[in-house]
């Protein structure tokens, strides 16, 4: 009887340990998934910032080009009248 009780006690301890191990594995998996999601968001944020900077740079280039063209037009008009 005593050996049966000890056997049940050991078996119960093994079951509890296995459940705790599963919970630890699940928590680690969830933490890894959260880390992956965070990294994806950071990458997306960086891409958005880079796209915004590129658009701003492109806008500056276009404005400069338009300003240069306007300057040349004015200069040509002045030359025609002189």
PDB file of N, CA and C in Angstrom:
ATOM      1  N   UNK A   1       0.825  -1.189   0.000  1.00  0.00           N
ATOM      2  CA  UNK A   1       0.000   0.000   0.000  1.00  0.00           C
ATOM      3  C   UNK A   1       0.876   1.263   0.000  1.00  0.00           C
ATOM      4  N   UNK A   2       1.910   1.199   0.825  1.00  0.00           N
ATOM      5  CA  UNK A   2       2.800   2.348   0.920  1.00  0.00           C
ATOM      6  C   UNK A   2       3.521   2.584  -0.404  1.00  0.00           C
ATOM      7  N   UNK A   3       3.958   1.521  -1.058  1.00  0.00           N
ATOM      8  CA  UNK A   3       4.647   1.657  -2.343  1.00  0.00           C
ATOM      9  C   UNK A   3       3.697   2.190  -3.412  1.00  0.00           C
ATOM     10  N   UNK A   4       2.431   1.795  -3.365  1.00  0.00           N
ATOM     11  CA  UNK A   4       1.439   2.309  -4.310  1.00  0.00           C
ATOM     12  C   UNK A   4       1.247   3.809  -4.099  1.00  0.00           C
ATOM     13  N   UNK A   5       1.186   4.228  -2.843  1.00  0.00           N
ATOM     14  CA  UNK A   5       1.049   5.651  -2.534  1.00  0.00           C
ATOM     15  C   UNK A   5       2.263   6.435  -3.043  1.00  0.00           C
ATOM     16  N   UNK A   6       3.459   5.916  -2.825  1.00  0.00           N
ATOM     17  CA  UNK A   6       4.670   6.573  -3.308  1.00  0.00           C
ATOM     18  C   UNK A   6       4.695   6.634  -4.831  1.00  0.00           C
ATOM     19  N   UNK A   7       4.250   5.551  -5.461  1.00  0.00           N
ATOM     20  CA  UNK A   7       4.194   5.522  -6.925  1.00  0.00           C
ATOM     21  C   UNK A   7       3.232   6.586  -7.443  1.00  0.00           C
ATOM     22  N   UNK A   8       2.066   6.703  -6.834  1.00  0.00           N
ATOM     23  CA  UNK A   8       1.100   7.733  -7.234  1.00  0.00           C
ATOM     24  C   UNK A   8       1.662   9.134  -6.978  1.00  0.00           C
ATOM     25  N   UNK A   9       2.367   9.297  -5.887  1.00  0.00           N
ATOM     26  CA  UNK A   9       2.972  10.586  -5.564  1.00  0.00           C
ATOM     27  C   UNK A   9       4.024  10.972  -6.602  1.00  0.00           C
ATOM     28  N   UNK A  10       4.867  10.024  -6.979  1.00  0.00           N
ATOM     29  CA  UNK A  10       5.890  10.282  -7.996  1.00  0.00           C
ATOM     30  C   UNK A  10       5.233  10.575  -9.338  1.00  0.00           C
ATOM     31  N   UNK A  11       4.224   9.781  -9.705  1.00  0.00           N
ATOM     32  CA  UNK A  11       3.521  10.001 -10.973  1.00  0.00           C
ATOM     33  C   UNK A  11       2.868  11.382 -10.995  1.00  0.00           C
ATOM     34  N   UNK A  12       2.249  11.767  -9.886  1.00  0.00           N
ATOM     35  CA  UNK A  12       1.624  13.087  -9.790  1.00  0.00           C
ATOM     36  C   UNK A  12       2.653  14.201  -9.936  1.00  0.00           C
ATOM     37  N   UNK A  13       3.810  14.013  -9.326  1.00  0.00           N
ATOM     38  CA  UNK A  13       4.874  15.015  -9.437  1.00  0.00           C
ATOM     39  C   UNK A  13       5.355  15.127 -10.877  1.00  0.00           C
ATOM     40  N   UNK A  14       5.460  13.995 -11.560  1.00  0.00           N
ATOM     41  CA  UNK A  14       5.874  14.019 -12.970  1.00  0.00           C
ATOM     42  C   UNK A  14       4.847  14.744 -13.837  1.00  0.00           C
ATOM     43  N   UNK A  15       3.568  14.506 -13.572  1.00  0.00           N
ATOM     44  CA  UNK A  15       2.509  15.172 -14.340  1.00  0.00           C
ATOM     45  C   UNK A  15       2.558  16.680 -14.107  1.00  0.00           C
ATOM     46  N   UNK A  16       2.713  17.093 -12.860  1.00  0.00           N
ATOM     47  CA  UNK A  16       2.785  18.520 -12.535  1.00  0.00           C
ATOM     48  C   UNK A  16       4.006  19.150 -13.194  1.00  0.00           C
ATOM     49  N   UNK A  17       5.133  18.461 -13.146  1.00  0.00           N
ATOM     50  CA  UNK A  17       6.357  18.971 -13.769  1.00  0.00           C
ATOM     51  C   UNK A  17       6.178  19.112 -15.275  1.00  0.00           C
ATOM     52  N   UNK A  18       5.539  18.131 -15.894  1.00  0.00           N
ATOM     53  CA  UNK A  18       5.308  18.189 -17.340  1.00  0.00           C
ATOM     54  C   UNK A  18       4.401  19.367 -17.690  1.00  0.00           C
ATOM     55  N   UNK A  19       3.375  19.602 -16.880  1.00  0.00           N
ATOM     56  CA  UNK A  19       2.479  20.736 -17.134  1.00  0.00           C
ATOM     57  C   UNK A  19       3.229  22.060 -16.984  1.00  0.00           C
ATOM     58  N   UNK A  20       4.071  22.157 -15.972  1.00  0.00           N
ATOM     59  CA  UNK A  20       4.860  23.377 -15.784  1.00  0.00           C
ATOM     60  C   UNK A  20       5.807  23.593 -16.959  1.00  0.00           C
ATOM     61  N   UNK A  21       6.410  22.498 -17.434  1.00  0.00           N
ATOM     62  CA  UNK A  21       7.298  22.606 -18.597  1.00  0.00           C
ATOM     63  C   UNK A  21       6.538  23.100 -19.821  1.00  0.00           C
ATOM     64  N   UNK A  22       5.330  22.572 -20.030  1.00  0.00           N
ATOM     65  CA  UNK A  22       4.511  23.021 -21.168  1.00  0.00           C
ATOM     66  C   UNK A  22       4.170  24.499 -21.045  1.00  0.00           C
ATOM     67  N   UNK A  23       3.841  24.933 -19.832  1.00  0.00           N
ATOM     68  CA  UNK A  23       3.522  26.349 -19.617  1.00  0.00           C
ATOM     69  C   UNK A  23       4.738  27.231 -19.897  1.00  0.00           C
ATOM     70  N   UNK A  24       5.910  26.783 -19.457  1.00  0.00           N
ATOM     71  CA  UNK A  24       7.138  27.548 -19.707  1.00  0.00           C
ATOM     72  C   UNK A  24       7.414  27.630 -21.199  1.00  0.00           C
ATOM     73  N   UNK A  25       7.252  26.506 -21.897  1.00  0.00           N
ATOM     74  CA  UNK A  25       7.471  26.491 -23.351  1.00  0.00           C
ATOM     75  C   UNK A  25       6.475  27.416 -24.041  1.00  0.00           C
ATOM     76  N   UNK A  26       5.214  27.371 -23.615  1.00  0.00           N
ATOM     77  CA  UNK A  26       4.189  28.234 -24.204  1.00  0.00           C
ATOM     78  C   UNK A  26       4.505  29.709 -23.957  1.00  0.00           C
ATOM     79  N   UNK A  27       4.925  30.043 -22.741  1.00  0.00           N
ATOM     80  CA  UNK A  27       5.274  31.430 -22.431  1.00  0.00           C
ATOM     81  C   UNK A  27       6.465  31.894 -23.260  1.00  0.00           C
ATOM     82  N   UNK A  28       7.447  31.013 -23.439  1.00  0.00           N
ATOM     83  CA  UNK A  28       8.612  31.366 -24.253  1.00  0.00           C
ATOM     84  C   UNK A  28       8.199  31.577 -25.704  1.00  0.00           C
ATOM     85  N   UNK A  29       7.341  30.713 -26.219  1.00  0.00           N
ATOM     86  CA  UNK A  29       6.867  30.851 -27.595  1.00  0.00           C
ATOM     87  C   UNK A  29       6.111  32.169 -27.775  1.00  0.00           C
ATOM     88  N   UNK A  30       5.262  32.506 -26.800  1.00  0.00           N
ATOM     89  CA  UNK A  30       4.520  33.765 -26.882  1.00  0.00           C
ATOM     90  C   UNK A  30       5.461  34.966 -26.821  1.00  0.00           C
ATOM     91  N   UNK A  31       6.483  34.878 -25.977  1.00  0.00           N
ATOM     92  CA  UNK A  31       7.461  35.969 -25.890  1.00  0.00           C
ATOM     93  C   UNK A  31       8.217  36.107 -27.210  1.00  0.00           C
ATOM     94  N   UNK A  32       8.577  34.981 -27.820  1.00  0.00           N
ATOM     95  CA  UNK A  32       9.261  35.017 -29.116  1.00  0.00           C
ATOM     96  C   UNK A  32       8.369  35.637 -30.188  1.00  0.00           C
ATOM     97  N   UNK A  33       7.080  35.282 -30.172  1.00  0.00           N
ATOM     98  CA  UNK A  33       6.143  35.849 -31.148  1.00  0.00           C
ATOM     99  C   UNK A  33       5.996  37.354 -30.945  1.00  0.00           C
ATOM    100  N   UNK A  34       5.926  37.786 -29.683  1.00  0.00           N
ATOM    101  CA  UNK A  34       5.834  39.230 -29.416  1.00  0.00           C
ATOM    102  C   UNK A  34       7.089  39.945 -29.904  1.00  0.00           C
ATOM    103  N   UNK A  35       8.247  39.323 -29.716  1.00  0.00           N
ATOM    104  CA  UNK A  35       9.511  39.914 -30.177  1.00  0.00           C
ATOM    105  C   UNK A  35       9.517  40.032 -31.701  1.00  0.00           C
ATOM    106  N   UNK A  36       9.033  38.998 -32.385  1.00  0.00           N
ATOM    107  CA  UNK A  36       8.975  39.028 -33.849  1.00  0.00           C
ATOM    108  C   UNK A  36       8.040  40.141 -34.315  1.00  0.00           C
ATOM    109  N   UNK A  37       6.886  40.263 -33.667  1.00  0.00           N
ATOM    110  CA  UNK A  37       5.929  41.317 -34.026  1.00  0.00           C
ATOM    111  C   UNK A  37       6.552  42.692 -33.795  1.00  0.00           C
ATOM    112  N   UNK A  38       7.246  42.859 -32.677  1.00  0.00           N
ATOM    113  CA  UNK A  38       7.902  44.135 -32.377  1.00  0.00           C
ATOM    114  C   UNK A  38       8.953  44.464 -33.429  1.00  0.00           C
ATOM    115  N   UNK A  39       9.744  43.476 -33.821  1.00  0.00           N
ATOM    116  CA  UNK A  39      10.767  43.699 -34.844  1.00  0.00           C
ATOM    117  C   UNK A  39      10.131  44.078 -36.182  1.00  0.00           C
ATOM    118  N   UNK A  40       9.021  43.419 -36.536  1.00  0.00           N
ATOM    119  CA  UNK A  40       8.328  43.760 -37.788  1.00  0.00           C
ATOM    120  C   UNK A  40       7.823  45.198 -37.744  1.00  0.00           C
ATOM    121  N   UNK A  41       7.246  45.586 -36.607  1.00  0.00           N
ATOM    122  CA  UNK A  41       6.743  46.959 -36.479  1.00  0.00           C
ATOM    123  C   UNK A  41       7.874  47.971 -36.590  1.00  0.00           C
ATOM    124  N   UNK A  42       9.005  47.669 -35.949  1.00  0.00           N
ATOM    125  CA  UNK A  42      10.147  48.580 -36.025  1.00  0.00           C
ATOM    126  C   UNK A  42      10.653  48.687 -37.455  1.00  0.00           C
ATOM    127  N   UNK A  43      10.685  47.561 -38.165  1.00  0.00           N
ATOM    128  CA  UNK A  43      11.118  47.568 -39.561  1.00  0.00           C
ATOM    129  C   UNK A  43      10.151  48.390 -40.404  1.00  0.00           C
ATOM    130  N   UNK A  44       8.849  48.189 -40.185  1.00  0.00           N
ATOM    131  CA  UNK A  44       7.849  48.961 -40.925  1.00  0.00           C
ATOM    132  C   UNK A  44       7.986  50.454 -40.618  1.00  0.00           C
ATOM    133  N   UNK A  45       8.203  50.781 -39.340  1.00  0.00           N
ATOM    134  CA  UNK A  45       8.375  52.188 -38.960  1.00  0.00           C
ATOM    135  C   UNK A  45       9.589  52.792 -39.658  1.00  0.00           C
ATOM    136  N   UNK A  46      10.697  52.030 -39.701  1.00  0.00           N
ATOM    137  CA  UNK A  46      11.904  52.527 -40.383  1.00  0.00           C
ATOM    138  C   UNK A  46      11.627  52.737 -41.864  1.00  0.00           C
ATOM    139  N   UNK A  47      10.906  51.798 -42.474  1.00  0.00           N
ATOM    140  CA  UNK A  47      10.592  51.926 -43.900  1.00  0.00           C
ATOM    141  C   UNK A  47       9.722  53.149 -44.155  1.00  0.00           C
ATOM    142  N   UNK A  48       8.770  53.402 -43.273  1.00  0.00           N
ATOM    143  CA  UNK A  48       7.906  54.576 -43.424  1.00  0.00           C
ATOM    144  C   UNK A  48       8.730  55.852 -43.312  1.00  0.00           C
ATOM    145  N   UNK A  49       9.636  55.888 -42.340  1.00  0.00           N
ATOM    146  CA  UNK A  49      10.497  57.069 -42.172  1.00  0.00           C
ATOM    147  C   UNK A  49      11.354  57.272 -43.413  1.00  0.00           C
ATOM    148  N   UNK A  50      11.933  56.183 -43.934  1.00  0.00           N
ATOM    149  CA  UNK A  50      12.766  56.293 -45.133  1.00  0.00           C
ATOM    150  C   UNK A  50      11.953  56.752 -46.337  1.00  0.00           C
ATOM    151  N   UNK A  51      10.734  56.230 -46.482  1.00  0.00           N
ATOM    152  CA  UNK A  51       9.880  56.653 -47.591  1.00  0.00           C
ATOM    153  C   UNK A  51       9.527  58.131 -47.466  1.00  0.00           C
ATOM    154  N   UNK A  52       9.256  58.563 -46.238  1.00  0.00           N
ATOM    155  CA  UNK A  52       8.929  59.970 -46.014  1.00  0.00           C
ATOM    156  C   UNK A  52      10.127  60.855 -46.352  1.00  0.00           C
ATOM    157  N   UNK A  53      11.313  60.445 -45.907  1.00  0.00           N
ATOM    158  CA  UNK A  53      12.520  61.219 -46.226  1.00  0.00           C
ATOM    159  C   UNK A  53      12.757  61.255 -47.728  1.00  0.00           C
ATOM    160  N   UNK A  54      12.568  60.122 -48.387  1.00  0.00           N
ATOM    161  CA  UNK A  54      12.758  60.069 -49.834  1.00  0.00           C
ATOM    162  C   UNK A  54      11.783  61.019 -50.525  1.00  0.00           C
ATOM    163  N   UNK A  55      10.516  61.006 -50.074  1.00  0.00           N
ATOM    164  CA  UNK A  55       9.516  61.893 -50.669  1.00  0.00           C
ATOM    165  C   UNK A  55       9.884  63.359 -50.433  1.00  0.00           C
ATOM    166  N   UNK A  56      10.363  63.667 -49.230  1.00  0.00           N
ATOM    167  CA  UNK A  56      10.773  65.045 -48.939  1.00  0.00           C
ATOM    168  C   UNK A  56      11.961  65.449 -49.803  1.00  0.00           C
ATOM    169  N   UNK A  57      12.929  64.550 -49.950  1.00  0.00           N
ATOM    170  CA  UNK A  57      14.092  64.840 -50.799  1.00  0.00           C
ATOM    171  C   UNK A  57      13.661  65.030 -52.250  1.00  0.00           C
ATOM    172  N   UNK A  58      12.760  64.179 -52.704  1.00  0.00           N
ATOM    173  CA  UNK A  58      12.257  64.282 -54.076  1.00  0.00           C
ATOM    174  C   UNK A  58      11.542  65.617 -54.274  1.00  0.00           C
ATOM    175  N   UNK A  59      10.770  66.017 -53.264  1.00  0.00           N
ATOM    176  CA  UNK A  59      10.062  67.296 -53.334  1.00  0.00           C
ATOM    177  C   UNK A  59      11.055  68.463 -53.400  1.00  0.00           C
ATOM    178  N   UNK A  60      12.122  68.380 -52.617  1.00  0.00           N
ATOM    179  CA  UNK A  60      13.147  69.430 -52.645  1.00  0.00           C
ATOM    180  C   UNK A  60      13.813  69.506 -54.016  1.00  0.00           C
ATOM    181  N   UNK A  61      14.108  68.345 -54.586  1.00  0.00           N
ATOM    182  CA  UNK A  61      14.741  68.313 -55.909  1.00  0.00           C
ATOM    183  C   UNK A  61      13.816  68.935 -56.944  1.00  0.00           C
ATOM    184  N   UNK A  62      12.540  68.571 -56.899  1.00  0.00           N
ATOM    185  CA  UNK A  62      11.584  69.130 -57.858  1.00  0.00           C
ATOM    186  C   UNK A  62      11.438  70.641 -57.672  1.00  0.00           C
ATOM    187  N   UNK A  63      11.386  71.092 -56.419  1.00  0.00           N
ATOM    188  CA  UNK A  63      11.281  72.530 -56.164  1.00  0.00           C
ATOM    189  C   UNK A  63      12.514  73.253 -56.692  1.00  0.00           C
ATOM    190  N   UNK A  64      13.687  72.698 -56.444  1.00  0.00           N
ATOM    191  CA  UNK A  64      14.930  73.310 -56.937  1.00  0.00           C
ATOM    192  C   UNK A  64      14.920  73.362 -58.456  1.00  0.00           C
ATOM    193  N   UNK A  65      14.496  72.264 -59.070  1.00  0.00           N
ATOM    194  CA  UNK A  65      14.441  72.218 -60.531  1.00  0.00           C
ATOM    195  C   UNK A  65      13.465  73.272 -61.057  1.00  0.00           C
ATOM    196  N   UNK A  66      12.309  73.389 -60.423  1.00  0.00           N
ATOM    197  CA  UNK A  66      11.334  74.399 -60.846  1.00  0.00           C
ATOM    198  C   UNK A  66      11.877  75.808 -60.637  1.00  0.00           C
ATOM    199  N   UNK A  67      12.549  76.016 -59.494  1.00  0.00           N
ATOM    200  CA  UNK A  67      13.147  77.331 -59.232  1.00  0.00           C
ATOM    201  C   UNK A  67      14.207  77.654 -60.280  1.00  0.00           C
ATOM    202  N   UNK A  68      15.033  76.663 -60.626  1.00  0.00           N
ATOM    203  CA  UNK A  68      16.073  76.874 -61.641  1.00  0.00           C
ATOM    204  C   UNK A  68      15.447  77.197 -62.997  1.00  0.00           C
ATOM    205  N   UNK A  69      14.384  76.461 -63.345  1.00  0.00           N
ATOM    206  CA  UNK A  69      13.715  76.721 -64.623  1.00  0.00           C
ATOM    207  C   UNK A  69      13.098  78.119 -64.633  1.00  0.00           C
ATOM    208  N   UNK A  70      12.496  78.507 -63.523  1.00  0.00           N
ATOM    209  CA  UNK A  70      11.897  79.839 -63.422  1.00  0.00           C
ATOM    210  C   UNK A  70      12.976  80.914 -63.537  1.00  0.00           C
ATOM    211  N   UNK A  71      14.104  80.688 -62.892  1.00  0.00           N
ATOM    212  CA  UNK A  71      15.223  81.629 -62.972  1.00  0.00           C
ATOM    213  C   UNK A  71      15.691  81.780 -64.417  1.00  0.00           C
ATOM    214  N   UNK A  72      15.836  80.644 -65.101  1.00  0.00           N
ATOM    215  CA  UNK A  72      16.283  80.698 -66.501  1.00  0.00           C
ATOM    216  C   UNK A  72      15.262  81.417 -67.380  1.00  0.00           C
ATOM    217  N   UNK A  73      13.977  81.173 -67.148  1.00  0.00           N
ATOM    218  CA  UNK A  73      12.941  81.857 -67.923  1.00  0.00           C
ATOM    219  C   UNK A  73      13.021  83.367 -67.722  1.00  0.00           C
ATOM    220  N   UNK A  74      13.156  83.777 -66.462  1.00  0.00           N
ATOM    221  CA  UNK A  74      13.255  85.212 -66.163  1.00  0.00           C
ATOM    222  C   UNK A  74      14.504  85.807 -66.799  1.00  0.00           C
ATOM    223  N   UNK A  75      15.587  85.071 -66.743  1.00  0.00           N
ATOM    224  CA  UNK A  75      16.835  85.556 -67.323  1.00  0.00           C
ATOM    225  C   UNK A  75      16.689  85.695 -68.837  1.00  0.00           C
ATOM    226  N   UNK A  76      16.031  84.725 -69.461  1.00  0.00           N
ATOM    227  CA  UNK A  76      15.832  84.798 -70.914  1.00  0.00           C
ATOM    228  C   UNK A  76      14.937  85.978 -71.269  1.00  0.00           C
ATOM    229  N   UNK A  77      13.905  86.209 -70.469  1.00  0.00           N
ATOM    230  CA  UNK A  77      13.001  87.334 -70.725  1.00  0.00           C
ATOM    231  C   UNK A  77      13.759  88.649 -70.585  1.00  0.00           C
ATOM    232  N   UNK A  78      14.594  88.754 -69.570  1.00  0.00           N
ATOM    233  CA  UNK A  78      15.390  89.964 -69.378  1.00  0.00           C
ATOM    234  C   UNK A  78      16.335  90.174 -70.555  1.00  0.00           C
ATOM    235  N   UNK A  79      16.940  89.093 -71.035  1.00  0.00           N
ATOM    236  CA  UNK A  79      17.872  89.207 -72.167  1.00  0.00           C
ATOM    237  C   UNK A  79      17.132  89.659 -73.420  1.00  0.00           C
ATOM    238  N   UNK A  80      15.915  89.196 -73.606  1.00  0.00           N
ATOM    239  CA  UNK A  80      15.149  89.577 -74.786  1.00  0.00           C
ATOM    240  C   UNK A  80      14.814  91.062 -74.761  1.00  0.00           C
ATOM    241  N   UNK A  81      14.555  91.605 -73.572  1.00  0.00           N
ATOM    242  CA  UNK A  81      14.197  93.012 -73.470  1.00  0.00           C
ATOM    243  C   UNK A  81      15.410  93.922 -73.458  1.00  0.00           C
ATOM    244  N   UNK A  82      16.572  93.401 -73.229  1.00  0.00           N
ATOM    245  CA  UNK A  82      17.785  94.237 -73.193  1.00  0.00           C
ATOM    246  C   UNK A  82      18.388  94.389 -74.527  1.00  0.00           C
TER     247      UNK A  82
END
